[in-house]
Each structure stands twice: as C-alpha cells, then as structure tokens.
C-alpha cells in the first residue's frame, strides 16, 4: 500500500484471510484498500473485521497495519527501489 500497489496488497490480505479467516487485520487491511479505492463494499468489510475483534480501535488497527507494511518492506528491501 505504501507504493500504491493496491492489487498486490489486496492479494496479500486475501491470502491472510485464507490462512486464518478469524484474523481481523487481514479484513481491516482489505477494508482500507476498498475505502481508498472508493469501493462500495468497504463498509461491509470494516463491519466484518470489527465483528472479529470488537475491542480494537481504528487507531490500533491502522497503526498495526502501517507497522506491518513497514516491516514487510524493510525485510524485503523494497523500500530501496
């Protein structure tokens, strides 16, 4: 998402959902992409993600996703390209 490759980010969050359908971050990440692209399904995705982790706040989830993406790009050195 940091490089605006929303298709790749969407694929990654979809894979996370396949591995663990109860992993709310995968759903929140996909919801953020949908919201960014103006998709009508973003509200439904956010609702589902929140139902999996009702104690989470938007700031906690957004912070986690940003940290996840930072470490992913750091580990793969994609931030240098």
PDB file of N, CA and C in Angstrom:
ATOM      1  N   UNK A   1       0.823  -1.186   0.000  1.00  0.00           N
ATOM      2  CA  UNK A   1       0.000   0.000   0.000  1.00  0.00           C
ATOM      3  C   UNK A   1       0.865   1.246   0.000  1.00  0.00           C
ATOM      4  N   UNK A   2       2.062   1.137   0.578  1.00  0.00           N
ATOM      5  CA  UNK A   2       2.930   2.301   0.629  1.00  0.00           C
ATOM      6  C   UNK A   2       3.407   2.714  -0.754  1.00  0.00           C
ATOM      7  N   UNK A   3       3.502   1.765  -1.680  1.00  0.00           N
ATOM      8  CA  UNK A   3       3.912   2.069  -3.046  1.00  0.00           C
ATOM      9  C   UNK A   3       2.695   2.172  -3.962  1.00  0.00           C
ATOM     10  N   UNK A   4       1.509   2.197  -3.385  1.00  0.00           N
ATOM     11  CA  UNK A   4       0.249   2.293  -4.122  1.00  0.00           C
ATOM     12  C   UNK A   4       0.007   1.093  -5.029  1.00  0.00           C
ATOM     13  N   UNK A   5       0.545  -0.067  -4.658  1.00  0.00           N
ATOM     14  CA  UNK A   5       0.255  -1.296  -5.379  1.00  0.00           C
ATOM     15  C   UNK A   5      -0.899  -1.979  -4.657  1.00  0.00           C
ATOM     16  N   UNK A   6      -2.090  -1.450  -4.891  1.00  0.00           N
ATOM     17  CA  UNK A   6      -3.263  -1.915  -4.169  1.00  0.00           C
ATOM     18  C   UNK A   6      -3.642  -3.342  -4.548  1.00  0.00           C
ATOM     19  N   UNK A   7      -3.384  -3.717  -5.788  1.00  0.00           N
ATOM     20  CA  UNK A   7      -3.702  -5.083  -6.202  1.00  0.00           C
ATOM     21  C   UNK A   7      -2.862  -6.096  -5.428  1.00  0.00           C
ATOM     22  N   UNK A   8      -1.568  -5.833  -5.294  1.00  0.00           N
ATOM     23  CA  UNK A   8      -0.687  -6.722  -4.542  1.00  0.00           C
ATOM     24  C   UNK A   8      -1.063  -6.733  -3.060  1.00  0.00           C
ATOM     25  N   UNK A   9      -1.356  -5.568  -2.508  1.00  0.00           N
ATOM     26  CA  UNK A   9      -1.771  -5.501  -1.106  1.00  0.00           C
ATOM     27  C   UNK A   9      -3.071  -6.272  -0.893  1.00  0.00           C
ATOM     28  N   UNK A  10      -4.007  -6.120  -1.818  1.00  0.00           N
ATOM     29  CA  UNK A  10      -5.276  -6.833  -1.713  1.00  0.00           C
ATOM     30  C   UNK A  10      -5.064  -8.345  -1.763  1.00  0.00           C
ATOM     31  N   UNK A  11      -4.164  -8.790  -2.651  1.00  0.00           N
ATOM     32  CA  UNK A  11      -3.840 -10.216  -2.720  1.00  0.00           C
ATOM     33  C   UNK A  11      -3.245 -10.706  -1.401  1.00  0.00           C
ATOM     34  N   UNK A  12      -2.375  -9.904  -0.806  1.00  0.00           N
ATOM     35  CA  UNK A  12      -1.738 -10.287   0.455  1.00  0.00           C
ATOM     36  C   UNK A  12      -2.763 -10.408   1.577  1.00  0.00           C
ATOM     37  N   UNK A  13      -3.668  -9.448   1.662  1.00  0.00           N
ATOM     38  CA  UNK A  13      -4.690  -9.519   2.704  1.00  0.00           C
ATOM     39  C   UNK A  13      -5.651 -10.681   2.440  1.00  0.00           C
ATOM     40  N   UNK A  14      -5.932 -10.977   1.181  1.00  0.00           N
ATOM     41  CA  UNK A  14      -6.789 -12.124   0.851  1.00  0.00           C
ATOM     42  C   UNK A  14      -6.126 -13.436   1.266  1.00  0.00           C
ATOM     43  N   UNK A  15      -4.819 -13.532   1.053  1.00  0.00           N
ATOM     44  CA  UNK A  15      -4.093 -14.735   1.472  1.00  0.00           C
ATOM     45  C   UNK A  15      -4.116 -14.871   2.994  1.00  0.00           C
ATOM     46  N   UNK A  16      -3.972 -13.757   3.692  1.00  0.00           N
ATOM     47  CA  UNK A  16      -4.044 -13.790   5.156  1.00  0.00           C
ATOM     48  C   UNK A  16      -5.409 -14.295   5.609  1.00  0.00           C
ATOM     49  N   UNK A  17      -6.458 -13.904   4.907  1.00  0.00           N
ATOM     50  CA  UNK A  17      -7.807 -14.359   5.241  1.00  0.00           C
ATOM     51  C   UNK A  17      -7.966 -15.855   4.985  1.00  0.00           C
ATOM     52  N   UNK A  18      -7.327 -16.361   3.935  1.00  0.00           N
ATOM     53  CA  UNK A  18      -7.407 -17.795   3.652  1.00  0.00           C
ATOM     54  C   UNK A  18      -6.678 -18.618   4.706  1.00  0.00           C
ATOM     55  N   UNK A  19      -5.529 -18.109   5.148  1.00  0.00           N
ATOM     56  CA  UNK A  19      -4.750 -18.813   6.162  1.00  0.00           C
ATOM     57  C   UNK A  19      -5.492 -18.811   7.495  1.00  0.00           C
ATOM     58  N   UNK A  20      -6.046 -17.658   7.854  1.00  0.00           N
ATOM     59  CA  UNK A  20      -6.763 -17.543   9.126  1.00  0.00           C
ATOM     60  C   UNK A  20      -7.955 -16.605   8.944  1.00  0.00           C
ATOM     61  N   UNK A  21      -9.131 -17.150   8.650  1.00  0.00           N
ATOM     62  CA  UNK A  21     -10.317 -16.318   8.421  1.00  0.00           C
ATOM     63  C   UNK A  21     -10.723 -15.468   9.628  1.00  0.00           C
ATOM     64  N   UNK A  22     -10.220 -15.795  10.799  1.00  0.00           N
ATOM     65  CA  UNK A  22     -10.553 -15.040  12.008  1.00  0.00           C
ATOM     66  C   UNK A  22      -9.552 -13.910  12.288  1.00  0.00           C
ATOM     67  N   UNK A  23      -8.552 -13.759  11.437  1.00  0.00           N
ATOM     68  CA  UNK A  23      -7.507 -12.740  11.618  1.00  0.00           C
ATOM     69  C   UNK A  23      -8.044 -11.389  11.146  1.00  0.00           C
ATOM     70  N   UNK A  24      -8.458 -10.586  12.098  1.00  0.00           N
ATOM     71  CA  UNK A  24      -9.153  -9.338  11.762  1.00  0.00           C
ATOM     72  C   UNK A  24      -8.292  -8.355  10.975  1.00  0.00           C
ATOM     73  N   UNK A  25      -6.987  -8.371  11.163  1.00  0.00           N
ATOM     74  CA  UNK A  25      -6.121  -7.422  10.460  1.00  0.00           C
ATOM     75  C   UNK A  25      -6.195  -7.647   8.943  1.00  0.00           C
ATOM     76  N   UNK A  26      -6.300  -8.902   8.516  1.00  0.00           N
ATOM     77  CA  UNK A  26      -6.456  -9.166   7.087  1.00  0.00           C
ATOM     78  C   UNK A  26      -7.712  -8.520   6.528  1.00  0.00           C
ATOM     79  N   UNK A  27      -8.762  -8.546   7.309  1.00  0.00           N
ATOM     80  CA  UNK A  27     -10.030  -7.936   6.876  1.00  0.00           C
ATOM     81  C   UNK A  27      -9.956  -6.412   6.968  1.00  0.00           C
ATOM     82  N   UNK A  28      -9.339  -5.901   8.027  1.00  0.00           N
ATOM     83  CA  UNK A  28      -9.202  -4.443   8.134  1.00  0.00           C
ATOM     84  C   UNK A  28      -8.340  -3.898   7.001  1.00  0.00           C
ATOM     85  N   UNK A  29      -7.262  -4.612   6.672  1.00  0.00           N
ATOM     86  CA  UNK A  29      -6.399  -4.172   5.574  1.00  0.00           C
ATOM     87  C   UNK A  29      -7.150  -4.128   4.259  1.00  0.00           C
ATOM     88  N   UNK A  30      -7.922  -5.162   3.992  1.00  0.00           N
ATOM     89  CA  UNK A  30      -8.697  -5.189   2.759  1.00  0.00           C
ATOM     90  C   UNK A  30      -9.758  -4.083   2.763  1.00  0.00           C
ATOM     91  N   UNK A  31     -10.324  -3.818   3.931  1.00  0.00           N
ATOM     92  CA  UNK A  31     -11.303  -2.731   4.030  1.00  0.00           C
ATOM     93  C   UNK A  31     -10.659  -1.377   3.746  1.00  0.00           C
ATOM     94  N   UNK A  32      -9.441  -1.172   4.232  1.00  0.00           N
ATOM     95  CA  UNK A  32      -8.738   0.085   3.957  1.00  0.00           C
ATOM     96  C   UNK A  32      -8.474   0.259   2.467  1.00  0.00           C
ATOM     97  N   UNK A  33      -8.106  -0.814   1.801  1.00  0.00           N
ATOM     98  CA  UNK A  33      -7.883  -0.742   0.359  1.00  0.00           C
ATOM     99  C   UNK A  33      -9.192  -0.403  -0.352  1.00  0.00           C
ATOM    100  N   UNK A  34     -10.259  -1.086   0.023  1.00  0.00           N
ATOM    101  CA  UNK A  34     -11.564  -0.832  -0.592  1.00  0.00           C
ATOM    102  C   UNK A  34     -11.989   0.619  -0.380  1.00  0.00           C
ATOM    103  N   UNK A  35     -11.759   1.126   0.819  1.00  0.00           N
ATOM    104  CA  UNK A  35     -12.109   2.515   1.122  1.00  0.00           C
ATOM    105  C   UNK A  35     -11.272   3.476   0.280  1.00  0.00           C
ATOM    106  N   UNK A  36      -9.988   3.195   0.174  1.00  0.00           N
ATOM    107  CA  UNK A  36      -9.089   4.039  -0.611  1.00  0.00           C
ATOM    108  C   UNK A  36      -9.508   4.087  -2.076  1.00  0.00           C
ATOM    109  N   UNK A  37      -9.971   2.959  -2.598  1.00  0.00           N
ATOM    110  CA  UNK A  37     -10.377   2.878  -4.000  1.00  0.00           C
ATOM    111  C   UNK A  37     -11.839   3.269  -4.222  1.00  0.00           C
ATOM    112  N   UNK A  38     -12.534   3.618  -3.140  1.00  0.00           N
ATOM    113  CA  UNK A  38     -13.916   4.055  -3.258  1.00  0.00           C
ATOM    114  C   UNK A  38     -14.904   2.926  -3.500  1.00  0.00           C
ATOM    115  N   UNK A  39     -14.553   1.726  -3.077  1.00  0.00           N
ATOM    116  CA  UNK A  39     -15.422   0.572  -3.277  1.00  0.00           C
ATOM    117  C   UNK A  39     -16.612   0.603  -2.321  1.00  0.00           C
ATOM    118  N   UNK A  40     -17.756   0.203  -2.837  1.00  0.00           N
ATOM    119  CA  UNK A  40     -18.974   0.174  -2.029  1.00  0.00           C
ATOM    120  C   UNK A  40     -18.921  -0.889  -0.944  1.00  0.00           C
ATOM    121  N   UNK A  41     -18.051  -1.889  -1.099  1.00  0.00           N
ATOM    122  CA  UNK A  41     -18.012  -2.974  -0.113  1.00  0.00           C
ATOM    123  C   UNK A  41     -17.139  -2.645   1.099  1.00  0.00           C
ATOM    124  N   UNK A  42     -16.527  -1.477   1.141  1.00  0.00           N
ATOM    125  CA  UNK A  42     -15.632  -1.155   2.255  1.00  0.00           C
ATOM    126  C   UNK A  42     -16.351  -1.181   3.603  1.00  0.00           C
ATOM    127  N   UNK A  43     -17.564  -0.659   3.663  1.00  0.00           N
ATOM    128  CA  UNK A  43     -18.308  -0.643   4.931  1.00  0.00           C
ATOM    129  C   UNK A  43     -18.568  -2.058   5.426  1.00  0.00           C
ATOM    130  N   UNK A  44     -18.935  -2.936   4.504  1.00  0.00           N
ATOM    131  CA  UNK A  44     -19.195  -4.337   4.867  1.00  0.00           C
ATOM    132  C   UNK A  44     -17.916  -5.017   5.367  1.00  0.00           C
ATOM    133  N   UNK A  45     -16.785  -4.732   4.716  1.00  0.00           N
ATOM    134  CA  UNK A  45     -15.510  -5.307   5.145  1.00  0.00           C
ATOM    135  C   UNK A  45     -15.108  -4.793   6.525  1.00  0.00           C
ATOM    136  N   UNK A  46     -15.268  -3.482   6.753  1.00  0.00           N
ATOM    137  CA  UNK A  46     -14.960  -2.924   8.077  1.00  0.00           C
ATOM    138  C   UNK A  46     -15.847  -3.553   9.142  1.00  0.00           C
ATOM    139  N   UNK A  47     -17.120  -3.703   8.832  1.00  0.00           N
ATOM    140  CA  UNK A  47     -18.058  -4.295   9.794  1.00  0.00           C
ATOM    141  C   UNK A  47     -17.654  -5.731  10.142  1.00  0.00           C
ATOM    142  N   UNK A  48     -17.295  -6.503   9.126  1.00  0.00           N
ATOM    143  CA  UNK A  48     -16.880  -7.887   9.370  1.00  0.00           C
ATOM    144  C   UNK A  48     -15.592  -7.931  10.201  1.00  0.00           C
ATOM    145  N   UNK A  49     -14.629  -7.091   9.836  1.00  0.00           N
ATOM    146  CA  UNK A  49     -13.357  -7.053  10.564  1.00  0.00           C
ATOM    147  C   UNK A  49     -13.590  -6.686  12.026  1.00  0.00           C
ATOM    148  N   UNK A  50     -14.426  -5.701  12.254  1.00  0.00           N
ATOM    149  CA  UNK A  50     -14.695  -5.277  13.626  1.00  0.00           C
ATOM    150  C   UNK A  50     -15.439  -6.373  14.396  1.00  0.00           C
ATOM    151  N   UNK A  51     -16.279  -7.137  13.719  1.00  0.00           N
ATOM    152  CA  UNK A  51     -17.000  -8.215  14.407  1.00  0.00           C
ATOM    153  C   UNK A  51     -16.036  -9.300  14.890  1.00  0.00           C
ATOM    154  N   UNK A  52     -14.893  -9.442  14.205  1.00  0.00           N
ATOM    155  CA  UNK A  52     -13.888 -10.421  14.615  1.00  0.00           C
ATOM    156  C   UNK A  52     -13.062  -9.945  15.803  1.00  0.00           C
ATOM    157  N   UNK A  53     -12.978  -8.628  15.967  1.00  0.00           N
ATOM    158  CA  UNK A  53     -12.162  -8.048  17.044  1.00  0.00           C
ATOM    159  C   UNK A  53     -12.844  -6.780  17.548  1.00  0.00           C
ATOM    160  N   UNK A  54     -13.969  -6.931  18.260  1.00  0.00           N
ATOM    161  CA  UNK A  54     -14.762  -5.765  18.662  1.00  0.00           C
ATOM    162  C   UNK A  54     -14.072  -4.825  19.646  1.00  0.00           C
ATOM    163  N   UNK A  55     -13.012  -5.264  20.289  1.00  0.00           N
ATOM    164  CA  UNK A  55     -12.320  -4.388  21.234  1.00  0.00           C
ATOM    165  C   UNK A  55     -11.294  -3.482  20.585  1.00  0.00           C
ATOM    166  N   UNK A  56     -11.026  -3.699  19.310  1.00  0.00           N
ATOM    167  CA  UNK A  56      -9.992  -2.923  18.624  1.00  0.00           C
ATOM    168  C   UNK A  56     -10.503  -1.537  18.253  1.00  0.00           C
ATOM    169  N   UNK A  57      -9.625  -0.578  18.349  1.00  0.00           N
ATOM    170  CA  UNK A  57      -9.962   0.770  17.902  1.00  0.00           C
ATOM    171  C   UNK A  57      -9.368   0.981  16.522  1.00  0.00           C
ATOM    172  N   UNK A  58      -9.894   1.932  15.803  1.00  0.00           N
ATOM    173  CA  UNK A  58      -9.396   2.223  14.461  1.00  0.00           C
ATOM    174  C   UNK A  58      -7.922   2.606  14.503  1.00  0.00           C
ATOM    175  N   UNK A  59      -7.525   3.367  15.503  1.00  0.00           N
ATOM    176  CA  UNK A  59      -6.121   3.789  15.612  1.00  0.00           C
ATOM    177  C   UNK A  59      -5.218   2.585  15.839  1.00  0.00           C
ATOM    178  N   UNK A  60      -5.628   1.661  16.691  1.00  0.00           N
ATOM    179  CA  UNK A  60      -4.824   0.454  16.934  1.00  0.00           C
ATOM    180  C   UNK A  60      -4.656  -0.361  15.655  1.00  0.00           C
ATOM    181  N   UNK A  61      -5.732  -0.525  14.942  1.00  0.00           N
ATOM    182  CA  UNK A  61      -5.693  -1.340  13.740  1.00  0.00           C
ATOM    183  C   UNK A  61      -4.878  -0.655  12.646  1.00  0.00           C
ATOM    184  N   UNK A  62      -5.118   0.623  12.433  1.00  0.00           N
ATOM    185  CA  UNK A  62      -4.368   1.361  11.413  1.00  0.00           C
ATOM    186  C   UNK A  62      -2.885   1.358  11.756  1.00  0.00           C
ATOM    187  N   UNK A  63      -2.549   1.552  13.023  1.00  0.00           N
ATOM    188  CA  UNK A  63      -1.146   1.536  13.452  1.00  0.00           C
ATOM    189  C   UNK A  63      -0.510   0.179  13.193  1.00  0.00           C
ATOM    190  N   UNK A  64      -1.237  -0.884  13.493  1.00  0.00           N
ATOM    191  CA  UNK A  64      -0.706  -2.224  13.269  1.00  0.00           C
ATOM    192  C   UNK A  64      -0.443  -2.464  11.791  1.00  0.00           C
ATOM    193  N   UNK A  65      -1.376  -2.057  10.947  1.00  0.00           N
ATOM    194  CA  UNK A  65      -1.207  -2.258   9.505  1.00  0.00           C
ATOM    195  C   UNK A  65      -0.019  -1.472   8.976  1.00  0.00           C
ATOM    196  N   UNK A  66       0.142  -0.244   9.424  1.00  0.00           N
ATOM    197  CA  UNK A  66       1.288   0.564   8.992  1.00  0.00           C
ATOM    198  C   UNK A  66       2.589  -0.089   9.442  1.00  0.00           C
ATOM    199  N   UNK A  67       2.652  -0.552  10.690  1.00  0.00           N
ATOM    200  CA  UNK A  67       3.863  -1.223  11.167  1.00  0.00           C
ATOM    201  C   UNK A  67       4.115  -2.511  10.390  1.00  0.00           C
ATOM    202  N   UNK A  68       3.067  -3.263  10.126  1.00  0.00           N
ATOM    203  CA  UNK A  68       3.208  -4.496   9.352  1.00  0.00           C
ATOM    204  C   UNK A  68       3.798  -4.202   7.971  1.00  0.00           C
ATOM    205  N   UNK A  69       3.242  -3.209   7.300  1.00  0.00           N
ATOM    206  CA  UNK A  69       3.737  -2.867   5.973  1.00  0.00           C
ATOM    207  C   UNK A  69       5.161  -2.344   6.023  1.00  0.00           C
ATOM    208  N   UNK A  70       5.486  -1.561   7.045  1.00  0.00           N
ATOM    209  CA  UNK A  70       6.846  -1.049   7.191  1.00  0.00           C
ATOM    210  C   UNK A  70       7.837  -2.195   7.328  1.00  0.00           C
ATOM    211  N   UNK A  71       7.542  -3.135   8.210  1.00  0.00           N
ATOM    212  CA  UNK A  71       8.460  -4.253   8.412  1.00  0.00           C
ATOM    213  C   UNK A  71       8.515  -5.167   7.192  1.00  0.00           C
ATOM    214  N   UNK A  72       7.392  -5.323   6.506  1.00  0.00           N
ATOM    215  CA  UNK A  72       7.397  -6.129   5.289  1.00  0.00           C
ATOM    216  C   UNK A  72       8.332  -5.509   4.251  1.00  0.00           C
ATOM    217  N   UNK A  73       8.202  -4.217   4.010  1.00  0.00           N
ATOM    218  CA  UNK A  73       9.047  -3.555   3.015  1.00  0.00           C
ATOM    219  C   UNK A  73      10.497  -3.483   3.489  1.00  0.00           C
ATOM    220  N   UNK A  74      10.689  -3.323   4.785  1.00  0.00           N
ATOM    221  CA  UNK A  74      12.052  -3.297   5.314  1.00  0.00           C
ATOM    222  C   UNK A  74      12.736  -4.640   5.098  1.00  0.00           C
ATOM    223  N   UNK A  75      12.021  -5.725   5.412  1.00  0.00           N
ATOM    224  CA  UNK A  75      12.585  -7.069   5.284  1.00  0.00           C
ATOM    225  C   UNK A  75      12.844  -7.449   3.832  1.00  0.00           C
ATOM    226  N   UNK A  76      12.015  -6.987   2.923  1.00  0.00           N
ATOM    227  CA  UNK A  76      12.188  -7.354   1.525  1.00  0.00           C
ATOM    228  C   UNK A  76      13.003  -6.308   0.757  1.00  0.00           C
ATOM    229  N   UNK A  77      13.398  -5.256   1.427  1.00  0.00           N
ATOM    230  CA  UNK A  77      14.198  -4.183   0.845  1.00  0.00           C
ATOM    231  C   UNK A  77      13.519  -3.483  -0.308  1.00  0.00           C
ATOM    232  N   UNK A  78      12.228  -3.600  -0.377  1.00  0.00           N
ATOM    233  CA  UNK A  78      11.501  -2.944  -1.460  1.00  0.00           C
ATOM    234  C   UNK A  78      11.463  -1.432  -1.286  1.00  0.00           C
ATOM    235  N   UNK A  79      11.733  -0.967  -0.080  1.00  0.00           N
ATOM    236  CA  UNK A  79      11.694   0.470   0.136  1.00  0.00           C
ATOM    237  C   UNK A  79      12.887   1.156  -0.521  1.00  0.00           C
ATOM    238  N   UNK A  80      13.888   0.388  -0.942  1.00  0.00           N
ATOM    239  CA  UNK A  80      15.068   0.960  -1.584  1.00  0.00           C
ATOM    240  C   UNK A  80      14.893   1.123  -3.085  1.00  0.00           C
ATOM    241  N   UNK A  81      13.874   0.522  -3.656  1.00  0.00           N
ATOM    242  CA  UNK A  81      13.707   0.541  -5.121  1.00  0.00           C
ATOM    243  C   UNK A  81      12.884   1.708  -5.544  1.00  0.00           C
TER     244      UNK A  81
END
